[in-house]
Amino acid sequence: MSKKAADHHKQSAEHHTHAARHHNEAAKHHEGGHYEKAAHHAHTARAHALHAMRHSEEAAKAHMEEHGKK
């Protein structure tokens, strides 16, 4: 695997970790009745998840560049 692809996989995993953390915070705030804080964390989690998806797509592109279409 190319370094470029590996780096994108690692970055994707890191963003998924951040998204999970924000989902947990959103759940805590929602359970406590702090809906505005919950919404903030939910939106932040979504942003991290989208960023993770972009890194996954870049990793796939790097694989294609390295190995070509077969």
Protein backbone atom coordinates (compact mmCIF):
# COMPACT_ATOMS: atom_id res chain seq x y z
CA MET A 1 0.00 0.00 0.00
CA SER A 2 1.31 3.44 -0.84
CA LYS A 3 2.20 5.86 1.93
CA LYS A 4 -0.40 8.24 0.51
CA ALA A 5 -3.17 5.65 0.80
CA ALA A 6 -2.05 4.58 4.27
CA ASP A 7 -2.04 8.20 5.46
CA HIS A 8 -5.59 8.71 4.20
CA HIS A 9 -6.73 5.51 5.95
CA LYS A 10 -5.17 6.72 9.20
CA GLN A 11 -6.77 10.15 8.86
CA SER A 12 -10.14 8.56 8.14
CA ALA A 13 -9.86 6.42 11.26
CA GLU A 14 -8.91 9.48 13.32
CA HIS A 15 -11.96 11.40 12.11
CA HIS A 16 -14.21 8.41 12.87
CA THR A 17 -12.78 8.39 16.41
CA HIS A 18 -13.56 12.10 16.79
CA ALA A 19 -17.06 11.56 15.39
CA ALA A 20 -17.71 8.78 17.90
CA ARG A 21 -16.55 11.01 20.75
CA HIS A 22 -18.94 13.77 19.68
CA HIS A 23 -21.82 11.29 19.30
CA ASN A 24 -21.20 10.20 22.90
CA GLU A 25 -21.19 13.82 24.06
CA ALA A 26 -24.39 14.49 22.13
CA ALA A 27 -26.06 11.52 23.81
CA LYS A 28 -25.00 12.70 27.28
CA HIS A 29 -26.27 16.22 26.69
CA HIS A 30 -29.53 14.97 25.18
CA GLU A 31 -30.17 12.69 28.16
CA GLY A 32 -29.51 15.66 30.45
CA GLY A 33 -32.01 17.83 28.59
CA HIS A 34 -29.32 20.11 27.11
CA TYR A 35 -30.65 19.90 23.57
CA GLU A 36 -28.71 22.82 22.11
CA LYS A 37 -25.41 21.33 23.30
CA ALA A 38 -26.53 17.94 22.00
CA ALA A 39 -27.28 19.42 18.59
CA HIS A 40 -23.88 21.12 18.49
CA HIS A 41 -22.08 17.84 19.17
CA ALA A 42 -24.28 15.96 16.71
CA HIS A 43 -23.42 18.44 13.96
CA THR A 44 -19.73 18.27 14.83
CA ALA A 45 -19.89 14.47 14.72
CA ARG A 46 -21.45 14.63 11.27
CA ALA A 47 -18.72 16.96 10.04
CA HIS A 48 -16.04 14.54 11.26
CA ALA A 49 -17.86 11.62 9.61
CA LEU A 50 -18.00 13.50 6.30
CA HIS A 51 -14.31 14.35 6.56
CA ALA A 52 -13.56 10.68 7.25
CA MET A 53 -15.51 9.71 4.15
CA ARG A 54 -13.45 12.12 2.04
CA HIS A 55 -10.23 10.56 3.32
CA SER A 56 -11.62 7.10 2.47
CA GLU A 57 -12.31 8.29 -1.06
CA GLU A 58 -8.79 9.72 -1.34
CA ALA A 59 -7.36 6.41 -0.12
CA ALA A 60 -9.31 4.59 -2.82
CA LYS A 61 -7.99 7.02 -5.45
CA ALA A 62 -4.43 6.43 -4.22
CA HIS A 63 -4.96 2.68 -4.55
CA MET A 64 -6.19 3.15 -8.12
CA GLU A 65 -3.22 5.37 -8.98
CA GLU A 66 -0.81 2.82 -7.54
CA HIS A 67 -2.36 -0.35 -8.95
CA GLY A 68 -4.30 0.92 -11.96
CA LYS A 69 -7.65 -0.32 -13.12
CA LYS A 70 -7.79 -4.09 -13.50
